[in-house]
Amino acid sequence: MFLVGYSVGATLAWKCSEFGLCDGVIGCYGSRIRDYLEIVPKCPVLLIFAEQEPSFDLHDLVLRPEQQKNTSVVILAGEHGFCDRFSCHYNAESFIKAQMLTNTFIEEIKKRN
């Protein structure tokens, strides 16, 4: 079972990762993750951010070593909401990259299990 969230949903998915109740967590542009940096994921996590995040500086998002073992962070071109086709911030190229990263992440975990 994989948990996928966007924006606030990504932050909620990040929070759920500390319980190990799913095989993996994918979070897209969860800017509030910065408020929950004490969480240590118990399952693999893929975090995808937009390079132009208006609400915080991505360079301030520093994961502790124990979080880095289970967490991959990817920054793609665009702004918050780049995966939403109905958003003015939609970025087709980054959306395709995010989809490919997500598919690869899921396939790698499925191979391990």
PDB file of N, CA and C in Angstrom:
ATOM      1  N   MET A   1       0.851  -1.162   0.000  1.00  0.00           N
ATOM      2  CA  MET A   1       0.000   0.000   0.000  1.00  0.00           C
ATOM      3  C   MET A   1       0.907   1.240   0.000  1.00  0.00           C
ATOM      4  N   PHE A   2       0.580   2.179  -0.865  1.00  0.00           N
ATOM      5  CA  PHE A   2       1.320   3.432  -0.959  1.00  0.00           C
ATOM      6  C   PHE A   2       0.387   4.585  -0.643  1.00  0.00           C
ATOM      7  N   LEU A   3       0.930   5.567   0.026  1.00  0.00           N
ATOM      8  CA  LEU A   3       0.183   6.761   0.370  1.00  0.00           C
ATOM      9  C   LEU A   3       0.755   7.904  -0.458  1.00  0.00           C
ATOM     10  N   VAL A   4      -0.109   8.577  -1.213  1.00  0.00           N
ATOM     11  CA  VAL A   4       0.312   9.683  -2.078  1.00  0.00           C
ATOM     12  C   VAL A   4      -0.461  10.929  -1.657  1.00  0.00           C
ATOM     13  N   GLY A   5       0.269  12.049  -1.525  1.00  0.00           N
ATOM     14  CA  GLY A   5      -0.384  13.291  -1.159  1.00  0.00           C
ATOM     15  C   GLY A   5       0.225  14.473  -1.873  1.00  0.00           C
ATOM     16  N   TYR A   6      -0.601  15.468  -2.088  1.00  0.00           N
ATOM     17  CA  TYR A   6      -0.179  16.714  -2.733  1.00  0.00           C
ATOM     18  C   TYR A   6      -0.458  17.870  -1.788  1.00  0.00           C
ATOM     19  N   SER A   7       0.485  18.782  -1.682  1.00  0.00           N
ATOM     20  CA  SER A   7       0.376  19.972  -0.848  1.00  0.00           C
ATOM     21  C   SER A   7       0.119  19.571   0.604  1.00  0.00           C
ATOM     22  N   VAL A   8      -1.003  19.941   1.183  1.00  0.00           N
ATOM     23  CA  VAL A   8      -1.295  19.580   2.567  1.00  0.00           C
ATOM     24  C   VAL A   8      -1.357  18.058   2.705  1.00  0.00           C
ATOM     25  N   GLY A   9      -1.866  17.387   1.686  1.00  0.00           N
ATOM     26  CA  GLY A   9      -1.914  15.919   1.696  1.00  0.00           C
ATOM     27  C   GLY A   9      -0.522  15.305   1.749  1.00  0.00           C
ATOM     28  N   ALA A  10       0.452  15.963   1.136  1.00  0.00           N
ATOM     29  CA  ALA A  10       1.833  15.481   1.187  1.00  0.00           C
ATOM     30  C   ALA A  10       2.380  15.580   2.607  1.00  0.00           C
ATOM     31  N   THR A  11       2.027  16.650   3.286  1.00  0.00           N
ATOM     32  CA  THR A  11       2.456  16.807   4.674  1.00  0.00           C
ATOM     33  C   THR A  11       1.809  15.740   5.552  1.00  0.00           C
ATOM     34  N   LEU A  12       0.536  15.471   5.319  1.00  0.00           N
ATOM     35  CA  LEU A  12      -0.142  14.418   6.081  1.00  0.00           C
ATOM     36  C   LEU A  12       0.481  13.047   5.794  1.00  0.00           C
ATOM     37  N   ALA A  13       0.820  12.806   4.531  1.00  0.00           N
ATOM     38  CA  ALA A  13       1.471  11.546   4.170  1.00  0.00           C
ATOM     39  C   ALA A  13       2.823  11.433   4.888  1.00  0.00           C
ATOM     40  N   TRP A  14       3.576  12.533   4.927  1.00  0.00           N
ATOM     41  CA  TRP A  14       4.864  12.564   5.652  1.00  0.00           C
ATOM     42  C   TRP A  14       4.646  12.201   7.115  1.00  0.00           C
ATOM     43  N   LYS A  15       3.622  12.775   7.727  1.00  0.00           N
ATOM     44  CA  LYS A  15       3.329  12.480   9.127  1.00  0.00           C
ATOM     45  C   LYS A  15       2.988  11.001   9.312  1.00  0.00           C
ATOM     46  N   CYS A  16       2.275  10.417   8.369  1.00  0.00           N
ATOM     47  CA  CYS A  16       1.905   9.000   8.455  1.00  0.00           C
ATOM     48  C   CYS A  16       3.105   8.073   8.279  1.00  0.00           C
ATOM     49  N   SER A  17       4.154   8.556   7.621  1.00  0.00           N
ATOM     50  CA  SER A  17       5.317   7.704   7.361  1.00  0.00           C
ATOM     51  C   SER A  17       6.004   7.228   8.635  1.00  0.00           C
ATOM     52  N   GLU A  18       5.805   7.929   9.737  1.00  0.00           N
ATOM     53  CA  GLU A  18       6.486   7.554  10.971  1.00  0.00           C
ATOM     54  C   GLU A  18       5.890   6.317  11.628  1.00  0.00           C
ATOM     55  N   PHE A  19       4.743   5.835  11.135  1.00  0.00           N
ATOM     56  CA  PHE A  19       4.096   4.680  11.744  1.00  0.00           C
ATOM     57  C   PHE A  19       4.387   3.373  11.016  1.00  0.00           C
ATOM     58  N   GLY A  20       4.917   3.445   9.796  1.00  0.00           N
ATOM     59  CA  GLY A  20       5.268   2.243   9.063  1.00  0.00           C
ATOM     60  C   GLY A  20       4.081   1.376   8.670  1.00  0.00           C
ATOM     61  N   LEU A  21       2.928   1.985   8.484  1.00  0.00           N
ATOM     62  CA  LEU A  21       1.724   1.231   8.147  1.00  0.00           C
ATOM     63  C   LEU A  21       1.546   1.020   6.644  1.00  0.00           C
ATOM     64  N   CYS A  22       2.434   1.593   5.855  1.00  0.00           N
ATOM     65  CA  CYS A  22       2.335   1.409   4.404  1.00  0.00           C
ATOM     66  C   CYS A  22       3.718   1.089   3.849  1.00  0.00           C
ATOM     67  N   ASP A  23       3.730   0.660   2.599  1.00  0.00           N
ATOM     68  CA  ASP A  23       4.998   0.262   1.968  1.00  0.00           C
ATOM     69  C   ASP A  23       5.820   1.456   1.510  1.00  0.00           C
ATOM     70  N   GLY A  24       5.164   2.580   1.258  1.00  0.00           N
ATOM     71  CA  GLY A  24       5.871   3.765   0.809  1.00  0.00           C
ATOM     72  C   GLY A  24       4.977   4.982   0.826  1.00  0.00           C
ATOM     73  N   VAL A  25       5.617   6.152   0.863  1.00  0.00           N
ATOM     74  CA  VAL A  25       4.913   7.434   0.881  1.00  0.00           C
ATOM     75  C   VAL A  25       5.498   8.319  -0.205  1.00  0.00           C
ATOM     76  N   ILE A  26       4.610   8.974  -0.940  1.00  0.00           N
ATOM     77  CA  ILE A  26       5.012   9.925  -1.971  1.00  0.00           C
ATOM     78  C   ILE A  26       4.316  11.244  -1.664  1.00  0.00           C
ATOM     79  N   GLY A  27       5.112  12.298  -1.544  1.00  0.00           N
ATOM     80  CA  GLY A  27       4.561  13.617  -1.248  1.00  0.00           C
ATOM     81  C   GLY A  27       5.035  14.641  -2.256  1.00  0.00           C
ATOM     82  N   CYS A  28       4.090  15.321  -2.872  1.00  0.00           N
ATOM     83  CA  CYS A  28       4.413  16.375  -3.842  1.00  0.00           C
ATOM     84  C   CYS A  28       4.124  17.741  -3.240  1.00  0.00           C
ATOM     85  N   TYR A  29       5.120  18.583  -3.278  1.00  0.00           N
ATOM     86  CA  TYR A  29       5.110  19.955  -2.768  1.00  0.00           C
ATOM     87  C   TYR A  29       4.390  20.106  -1.430  1.00  0.00           C
ATOM     88  N   GLY A  30       4.845  19.319  -0.467  1.00  0.00           N
ATOM     89  CA  GLY A  30       4.320  19.416   0.895  1.00  0.00           C
ATOM     90  C   GLY A  30       5.109  20.422   1.703  1.00  0.00           C
ATOM     91  N   SER A  31       4.821  21.684   1.499  1.00  0.00           N
ATOM     92  CA  SER A  31       5.634  22.741   2.104  1.00  0.00           C
ATOM     93  C   SER A  31       5.580  22.740   3.630  1.00  0.00           C
ATOM     94  N   ARG A  32       4.544  22.204   4.230  1.00  0.00           N
ATOM     95  CA  ARG A  32       4.442  22.183   5.696  1.00  0.00           C
ATOM     96  C   ARG A  32       5.257  21.065   6.332  1.00  0.00           C
ATOM     97  N   ILE A  33       5.893  20.239   5.507  1.00  0.00           N
ATOM     98  CA  ILE A  33       6.790  19.222   6.050  1.00  0.00           C
ATOM     99  C   ILE A  33       7.851  19.889   6.916  1.00  0.00           C
ATOM    100  N   ARG A  34       8.191  21.112   6.574  1.00  0.00           N
ATOM    101  CA  ARG A  34       9.203  21.846   7.341  1.00  0.00           C
ATOM    102  C   ARG A  34       8.809  22.014   8.808  1.00  0.00           C
ATOM    103  N   ASP A  35       7.509  21.882   9.124  1.00  0.00           N
ATOM    104  CA  ASP A  35       7.039  21.993  10.504  1.00  0.00           C
ATOM    105  C   ASP A  35       7.099  20.661  11.249  1.00  0.00           C
ATOM    106  N   TYR A  36       7.470  19.601  10.539  1.00  0.00           N
ATOM    107  CA  TYR A  36       7.464  18.256  11.132  1.00  0.00           C
ATOM    108  C   TYR A  36       8.779  17.527  10.854  1.00  0.00           C
ATOM    109  N   LEU A  37       9.867  18.221  11.010  1.00  0.00           N
ATOM    110  CA  LEU A  37      11.186  17.642  10.719  1.00  0.00           C
ATOM    111  C   LEU A  37      11.668  16.680  11.805  1.00  0.00           C
ATOM    112  N   GLU A  38      10.902  16.533  12.863  1.00  0.00           N
ATOM    113  CA  GLU A  38      11.276  15.565  13.894  1.00  0.00           C
ATOM    114  C   GLU A  38      10.873  14.137  13.504  1.00  0.00           C
ATOM    115  N   ILE A  39      10.047  14.003  12.484  1.00  0.00           N
ATOM    116  CA  ILE A  39       9.560  12.693  12.056  1.00  0.00           C
ATOM    117  C   ILE A  39      10.683  11.901  11.397  1.00  0.00           C
ATOM    118  N   VAL A  40      10.788  10.643  11.786  1.00  0.00           N
ATOM    119  CA  VAL A  40      11.732   9.715  11.165  1.00  0.00           C
ATOM    120  C   VAL A  40      10.887   8.647  10.466  1.00  0.00           C
ATOM    121  N   PRO A  41      10.875   8.635   9.135  1.00  0.00           N
ATOM    122  CA  PRO A  41      10.038   7.680   8.411  1.00  0.00           C
ATOM    123  C   PRO A  41      10.430   6.226   8.683  1.00  0.00           C
ATOM    124  N   LYS A  42       9.413   5.386   8.794  1.00  0.00           N
ATOM    125  CA  LYS A  42       9.632   3.952   8.972  1.00  0.00           C
ATOM    126  C   LYS A  42       9.388   3.190   7.675  1.00  0.00           C
ATOM    127  N   CYS A  43       9.166   3.925   6.597  1.00  0.00           N
ATOM    128  CA  CYS A  43       8.995   3.327   5.274  1.00  0.00           C
ATOM    129  C   CYS A  43       9.681   4.255   4.271  1.00  0.00           C
ATOM    130  N   PRO A  44       9.948   3.778   3.072  1.00  0.00           N
ATOM    131  CA  PRO A  44      10.559   4.652   2.066  1.00  0.00           C
ATOM    132  C   PRO A  44       9.642   5.829   1.716  1.00  0.00           C
ATOM    133  N   VAL A  45      10.257   6.992   1.545  1.00  0.00           N
ATOM    134  CA  VAL A  45       9.512   8.217   1.233  1.00  0.00           C
ATOM    135  C   VAL A  45      10.161   8.906   0.037  1.00  0.00           C
ATOM    136  N   LEU A  46       9.321   9.344  -0.884  1.00  0.00           N
ATOM    137  CA  LEU A  46       9.757  10.179  -2.001  1.00  0.00           C
ATOM    138  C   LEU A  46       9.083  11.525  -1.850  1.00  0.00           C
ATOM    139  N   LEU A  47       9.881  12.568  -1.679  1.00  0.00           N
ATOM    140  CA  LEU A  47       9.360  13.929  -1.583  1.00  0.00           C
ATOM    141  C   LEU A  47       9.752  14.688  -2.840  1.00  0.00           C
ATOM    142  N   ILE A  48       8.756  15.261  -3.504  1.00  0.00           N
ATOM    143  CA  ILE A  48       8.984  16.014  -4.728  1.00  0.00           C
ATOM    144  C   ILE A  48       8.560  17.456  -4.471  1.00  0.00           C
ATOM    145  N   PHE A  49       9.486  18.363  -4.696  1.00  0.00           N
ATOM    146  CA  PHE A  49       9.218  19.780  -4.467  1.00  0.00           C
ATOM    147  C   PHE A  49       9.395  20.577  -5.748  1.00  0.00           C
ATOM    148  N   ALA A  50       8.764  21.732  -5.783  1.00  0.00           N
ATOM    149  CA  ALA A  50       8.959  22.692  -6.865  1.00  0.00           C
ATOM    150  C   ALA A  50      10.125  23.599  -6.493  1.00  0.00           C
ATOM    151  N   GLU A  51      10.945  23.933  -7.482  1.00  0.00           N
ATOM    152  CA  GLU A  51      12.100  24.783  -7.188  1.00  0.00           C
ATOM    153  C   GLU A  51      11.685  26.181  -6.749  1.00  0.00           C
ATOM    154  N   GLN A  52      10.504  26.612  -7.150  1.00  0.00           N
ATOM    155  CA  GLN A  52      10.016  27.939  -6.779  1.00  0.00           C
ATOM    156  C   GLN A  52       8.858  27.783  -5.799  1.00  0.00           C
ATOM    157  N   GLU A  53       9.192  27.504  -4.581  1.00  0.00           N
ATOM    158  CA  GLU A  53       8.186  27.327  -3.532  1.00  0.00           C
ATOM    159  C   GLU A  53       8.032  28.663  -2.814  1.00  0.00           C
ATOM    160  N   PRO A  54       6.897  29.334  -2.977  1.00  0.00           N
ATOM    161  CA  PRO A  54       6.768  30.686  -2.419  1.00  0.00           C
ATOM    162  C   PRO A  54       6.703  30.755  -0.897  1.00  0.00           C
ATOM    163  N   SER A  55       6.307  29.661  -0.236  1.00  0.00           N
ATOM    164  CA  SER A  55       6.081  29.750   1.199  1.00  0.00           C
ATOM    165  C   SER A  55       7.305  29.449   2.056  1.00  0.00           C
ATOM    166  N   PHE A  56       8.374  28.907   1.459  1.00  0.00           N
ATOM    167  CA  PHE A  56       9.585  28.648   2.242  1.00  0.00           C
ATOM    168  C   PHE A  56      10.765  28.399   1.305  1.00  0.00           C
ATOM    169  N   ASP A  57      11.946  28.459   1.891  1.00  0.00           N
ATOM    170  CA  ASP A  57      13.172  28.224   1.140  1.00  0.00           C
ATOM    171  C   ASP A  57      13.550  26.754   1.280  1.00  0.00           C
ATOM    172  N   LEU A  58      13.609  26.044   0.164  1.00  0.00           N
ATOM    173  CA  LEU A  58      13.932  24.620   0.190  1.00  0.00           C
ATOM    174  C   LEU A  58      15.275  24.329   0.854  1.00  0.00           C
ATOM    175  N   HIS A  59      16.174  25.280   0.818  1.00  0.00           N
ATOM    176  CA  HIS A  59      17.489  25.081   1.429  1.00  0.00           C
ATOM    177  C   HIS A  59      17.390  24.989   2.953  1.00  0.00           C
ATOM    178  N   ASP A  60      16.261  25.467   3.503  1.00  0.00           N
ATOM    179  CA  ASP A  60      16.043  25.365   4.942  1.00  0.00           C
ATOM    180  C   ASP A  60      15.544  23.974   5.341  1.00  0.00           C
ATOM    181  N   LEU A  61      15.125  23.184   4.370  1.00  0.00           N
ATOM    182  CA  LEU A  61      14.617  21.837   4.623  1.00  0.00           C
ATOM    183  C   LEU A  61      15.803  20.874   4.674  1.00  0.00           C
ATOM    184  N   VAL A  62      16.323  20.697   5.860  1.00  0.00           N
ATOM    185  CA  VAL A  62      17.482  19.826   6.037  1.00  0.00           C
ATOM    186  C   VAL A  62      17.028  18.612   6.840  1.00  0.00           C
ATOM    187  N   LEU A  63      17.115  17.441   6.208  1.00  0.00           N
ATOM    188  CA  LEU A  63      16.729  16.213   6.879  1.00  0.00           C
ATOM    189  C   LEU A  63      17.883  15.672   7.713  1.00  0.00           C
ATOM    190  N   ARG A  64      17.557  15.128   8.850  1.00  0.00           N
ATOM    191  CA  ARG A  64      18.563  14.518   9.713  1.00  0.00           C
ATOM    192  C   ARG A  64      19.047  13.218   9.075  1.00  0.00           C
ATOM    193  N   PRO A  65      20.229  12.756   9.438  1.00  0.00           N
ATOM    194  CA  PRO A  65      20.779  11.523   8.836  1.00  0.00           C
ATOM    195  C   PRO A  65      19.841  10.319   8.933  1.00  0.00           C
ATOM    196  N   GLU A  66      19.140  10.165  10.055  1.00  0.00           N
ATOM    197  CA  GLU A  66      18.251   9.013  10.201  1.00  0.00           C
ATOM    198  C   GLU A  66      17.027   9.117   9.282  1.00  0.00           C
ATOM    199  N   GLN A  67      16.664  10.319   8.878  1.00  0.00           N
ATOM    200  CA  GLN A  67      15.570  10.505   7.925  1.00  0.00           C
ATOM    201  C   GLN A  67      16.048  10.239   6.504  1.00  0.00           C
ATOM    202  N   GLN A  68      17.295  10.563   6.243  1.00  0.00           N
ATOM    203  CA  GLN A  68      17.834  10.446   4.892  1.00  0.00           C
ATOM    204  C   GLN A  68      17.918   8.998   4.427  1.00  0.00           C
ATOM    205  N   LYS A  69      18.004   8.053   5.380  1.00  0.00           N
ATOM    206  CA  LYS A  69      18.077   6.638   5.014  1.00  0.00           C
ATOM    207  C   LYS A  69      16.857   6.194   4.234  1.00  0.00           C
ATOM    208  N   ASN A  70      15.706   6.710   4.580  1.00  0.00           N
ATOM    209  CA  ASN A  70      14.443   6.298   3.961  1.00  0.00           C
ATOM    210  C   ASN A  70      13.832   7.343   3.042  1.00  0.00           C
ATOM    211  N   THR A  71      14.457   8.491   2.912  1.00  0.00           N
ATOM    212  CA  THR A  71      13.816   9.590   2.201  1.00  0.00           C
ATOM    213  C   THR A  71      14.632  10.070   1.016  1.00  0.00           C
ATOM    214  N   SER A  72      13.962  10.156  -0.125  1.00  0.00           N
ATOM    215  CA  SER A  72      14.561  10.758  -1.325  1.00  0.00           C
ATOM    216  C   SER A  72      13.848  12.083  -1.575  1.00  0.00           C
ATOM    217  N   VAL A  73      14.630  13.121  -1.797  1.00  0.00           N
ATOM    218  CA  VAL A  73      14.072  14.442  -2.071  1.00  0.00           C
ATOM    219  C   VAL A  73      14.485  14.848  -3.476  1.00  0.00           C
ATOM    220  N   VAL A  74      13.488  15.239  -4.270  1.00  0.00           N
ATOM    221  CA  VAL A  74      13.734  15.666  -5.644  1.00  0.00           C
ATOM    222  C   VAL A  74      13.119  17.051  -5.818  1.00  0.00           C
ATOM    223  N   ILE A  75      13.854  17.924  -6.477  1.00  0.00           N
ATOM    224  CA  ILE A  75      13.349  19.276  -6.763  1.00  0.00           C
ATOM    225  C   ILE A  75      13.218  19.406  -8.277  1.00  0.00           C
ATOM    226  N   LEU A  76      12.003  19.764  -8.707  1.00  0.00           N
ATOM    227  CA  LEU A  76      11.728  19.905 -10.131  1.00  0.00           C
ATOM    228  C   LEU A  76      11.391  21.354 -10.478  1.00  0.00           C
ATOM    229  N   ALA A  77      11.555  21.681 -11.736  1.00  0.00           N
ATOM    230  CA  ALA A  77      11.253  23.035 -12.204  1.00  0.00           C
ATOM    231  C   ALA A  77       9.773  23.335 -12.011  1.00  0.00           C
ATOM    232  N   GLY A  78       9.495  24.562 -11.651  1.00  0.00           N
ATOM    233  CA  GLY A  78       8.103  24.978 -11.526  1.00  0.00           C
ATOM    234  C   GLY A  78       7.789  25.567 -10.176  1.00  0.00           C
ATOM    235  N   GLU A  79       6.487  25.758  -9.970  1.00  0.00           N
ATOM    236  CA  GLU A  79       5.981  26.339  -8.739  1.00  0.00           C
ATOM    237  C   GLU A  79       5.036  25.356  -8.057  1.00  0.00           C
ATOM    238  N   HIS A  80       4.666  25.672  -6.837  1.00  0.00           N
ATOM    239  CA  HIS A  80       3.726  24.871  -6.070  1.00  0.00           C
ATOM    240  C   HIS A  80       2.476  24.607  -6.929  1.00  0.00           C
ATOM    241  N   GLY A  81       2.146  23.357  -7.110  1.00  0.00           N
ATOM    242  CA  GLY A  81       0.984  23.000  -7.919  1.00  0.00           C
ATOM    243  C   GLY A  81       1.328  22.587  -9.342  1.00  0.00           C
ATOM    244  N   PHE A  82       2.606  22.357  -9.620  1.00  0.00           N
ATOM    245  CA  PHE A  82       3.017  22.089 -10.998  1.00  0.00           C
ATOM    246  C   PHE A  82       2.435  20.802 -11.581  1.00  0.00           C
ATOM    247  N   CYS A  83       1.925  19.897 -10.751  1.00  0.00           N
ATOM    248  CA  CYS A  83       1.326  18.649 -11.253  1.00  0.00           C
ATOM    249  C   CYS A  83      -0.167  18.778 -11.546  1.00  0.00           C
ATOM    250  N   ASP A  84      -0.750  19.885 -11.197  1.00  0.00           N
ATOM    251  CA  ASP A  84      -2.198  20.085 -11.350  1.00  0.00           C
ATOM    252  C   ASP A  84      -2.498  20.753 -12.692  1.00  0.00           C
ATOM    253  N   ARG A  85      -3.083  19.997 -13.589  1.00  0.00           N
ATOM    254  CA  ARG A  85      -3.383  20.521 -14.933  1.00  0.00           C
ATOM    255  C   ARG A  85      -4.316  21.723 -14.911  1.00  0.00           C
ATOM    256  N   PHE A  86      -5.056  21.904 -13.842  1.00  0.00           N
ATOM    257  CA  PHE A  86      -5.998  23.019 -13.757  1.00  0.00           C
ATOM    258  C   PHE A  86      -5.399  24.229 -13.051  1.00  0.00           C
ATOM    259  N   SER A  87      -4.147  24.117 -12.649  1.00  0.00           N
ATOM    260  CA  SER A  87      -3.465  25.212 -11.965  1.00  0.00           C
ATOM    261  C   SER A  87      -2.741  26.093 -12.983  1.00  0.00           C
ATOM    262  N   CYS A  88      -2.657  27.370 -12.693  1.00  0.00           N
ATOM    263  CA  CYS A  88      -1.875  28.270 -13.546  1.00  0.00           C
ATOM    264  C   CYS A  88      -0.382  27.960 -13.434  1.00  0.00           C
ATOM    265  N   HIS A  89       0.008  27.148 -12.449  1.00  0.00           N
ATOM    266  CA  HIS A  89       1.408  26.770 -12.255  1.00  0.00           C
ATOM    267  C   HIS A  89       1.747  25.420 -12.876  1.00  0.00           C
ATOM    268  N   TYR A  90       0.821  24.849 -13.603  1.00  0.00           N
ATOM    269  CA  TYR A  90       1.056  23.537 -14.218  1.00  0.00           C
ATOM    270  C   TYR A  90       2.295  23.593 -15.109  1.00  0.00           C
ATOM    271  N   ASN A  91       3.156  22.579 -14.933  1.00  0.00           N
ATOM    272  CA  ASN A  91       4.374  22.463 -15.726  1.00  0.00           C
ATOM    273  C   ASN A  91       4.402  21.037 -16.271  1.00  0.00           C
ATOM    274  N   ALA A  92       4.062  20.889 -17.544  1.00  0.00           N
ATOM    275  CA  ALA A  92       3.913  19.568 -18.147  1.00  0.00           C
ATOM    276  C   ALA A  92       5.195  18.744 -18.045  1.00  0.00           C
ATOM    277  N   GLU A  93       6.322  19.355 -18.291  1.00  0.00           N
ATOM    278  CA  GLU A  93       7.594  18.626 -18.241  1.00  0.00           C
ATOM    279  C   GLU A  93       7.883  18.095 -16.834  1.00  0.00           C
ATOM    280  N   SER A  94       7.675  18.922 -15.839  1.00  0.00           N
ATOM    281  CA  SER A  94       7.913  18.494 -14.459  1.00  0.00           C
ATOM    282  C   SER A  94       6.866  17.473 -14.009  1.00  0.00           C
ATOM    283  N   PHE A  95       5.645  17.625 -14.489  1.00  0.00           N
ATOM    284  CA  PHE A  95       4.611  16.646 -14.179  1.00  0.00           C
ATOM    285  C   PHE A  95       5.019  15.262 -14.692  1.00  0.00           C
ATOM    286  N   ILE A  96       5.507  15.207 -15.925  1.00  0.00           N
ATOM    287  CA  ILE A  96       5.938  13.928 -16.510  1.00  0.00           C
ATOM    288  C   ILE A  96       7.106  13.352 -15.717  1.00  0.00           C
ATOM    289  N   LYS A  97       8.052  14.196 -15.328  1.00  0.00           N
ATOM    290  CA  LYS A  97       9.181  13.728 -14.516  1.00  0.00           C
ATOM    291  C   LYS A  97       8.709  13.192 -13.170  1.00  0.00           C
ATOM    292  N   ALA A  98       7.761  13.895 -12.557  1.00  0.00           N
ATOM    293  CA  ALA A  98       7.227  13.458 -11.264  1.00  0.00           C
ATOM    294  C   ALA A  98       6.531  12.110 -11.402  1.00  0.00           C
ATOM    295  N   GLN A  99       5.795  11.926 -12.485  1.00  0.00           N
ATOM    296  CA  GLN A  99       5.125  10.644 -12.728  1.00  0.00           C
ATOM    297  C   GLN A  99       6.147   9.519 -12.906  1.00  0.00           C
ATOM    298  N   MET A 100       7.196   9.794 -13.657  1.00  0.00           N
ATOM    299  CA  MET A 100       8.237   8.792 -13.878  1.00  0.00           C
ATOM    300  C   MET A 100       8.944   8.447 -12.565  1.00  0.00           C
ATOM    301  N   LEU A 101       9.266   9.453 -11.766  1.00  0.00           N
ATOM    302  CA  LEU A 101       9.901   9.222 -10.467  1.00  0.00           C
ATOM    303  C   LEU A 101       9.003   8.397  -9.559  1.00  0.00           C
ATOM    304  N   THR A 102       7.734   8.717  -9.567  1.00  0.00           N
ATOM    305  CA  THR A 102       6.760   7.996  -8.749  1.00  0.00           C
ATOM    306  C   THR A 102       6.676   6.533  -9.174  1.00  0.00           C
ATOM    307  N   ASN A 103       6.562   6.301 -10.471  1.00  0.00           N
ATOM    308  CA  ASN A 103       6.475   4.925 -10.977  1.00  0.00           C
ATOM    309  C   ASN A 103       7.730   4.122 -10.634  1.00  0.00           C
ATOM    310  N   THR A 104       8.896   4.728 -10.812  1.00  0.00           N
ATOM    311  CA  THR A 104      10.158   4.056 -10.499  1.00  0.00           C
ATOM    312  C   THR A 104      10.244   3.742  -9.004  1.00  0.00           C
ATOM    313  N   PHE A 105       9.861   4.697  -8.172  1.00  0.00           N
ATOM    314  CA  PHE A 105       9.870   4.531  -6.716  1.00  0.00           C
ATOM    315  C   PHE A 105       9.007   3.337  -6.317  1.00  0.00           C
ATOM    316  N   ILE A 106       7.800   3.275  -6.856  1.00  0.00           N
ATOM    317  CA  ILE A 106       6.881   2.184  -6.525  1.00  0.00           C
ATOM    318  C   ILE A 106       7.423   0.847  -7.015  1.00  0.00           C
ATOM    319  N   GLU A 107       7.927   0.817  -8.232  1.00  0.00           N
ATOM    320  CA  GLU A 107       8.464  -0.431  -8.789  1.00  0.00           C
ATOM    321  C   GLU A 107       9.655  -0.949  -7.983  1.00  0.00           C
ATOM    322  N   GLU A 108      10.530  -0.048  -7.545  1.00  0.00           N
ATOM    323  CA  GLU A 108      11.689  -0.465  -6.752  1.00  0.00           C
ATOM    324  C   GLU A 108      11.270  -1.065  -5.412  1.00  0.00           C
ATOM    325  N   ILE A 109      10.264  -0.481  -4.795  1.00  0.00           N
ATOM    326  CA  ILE A 109       9.795  -1.008  -3.522  1.00  0.00           C
ATOM    327  C   ILE A 109       9.099  -2.352  -3.716  1.00  0.00           C
ATOM    328  N   LYS A 110       8.330  -2.468  -4.770  1.00  0.00           N
ATOM    329  CA  LYS A 110       7.652  -3.739  -5.062  1.00  0.00           C
ATOM    330  C   LYS A 110       8.664  -4.859  -5.305  1.00  0.00           C
ATOM    331  N   LYS A 111       9.782  -4.556  -5.933  1.00  0.00           N
ATOM    332  CA  LYS A 111      10.829  -5.559  -6.181  1.00  0.00           C
ATOM    333  C   LYS A 111      11.453  -6.029  -4.861  1.00  0.00           C
ATOM    334  N   ARG A 112      11.602  -5.104  -3.901  1.00  0.00           N
ATOM    335  CA  ARG A 112      12.199  -5.449  -2.610  1.00  0.00           C
ATOM    336  C   ARG A 112      11.293  -6.354  -1.783  1.00  0.00           C
ATOM    337  N   ASN A 113       9.996  -6.163  -1.965  1.00  0.00           N
ATOM    338  CA  ASN A 113       9.027  -6.910  -1.138  1.00  0.00           C
ATOM    339  C   ASN A 113       8.604  -8.122  -1.861  1.00  0.00           C
TER     340      ASN A 113
END
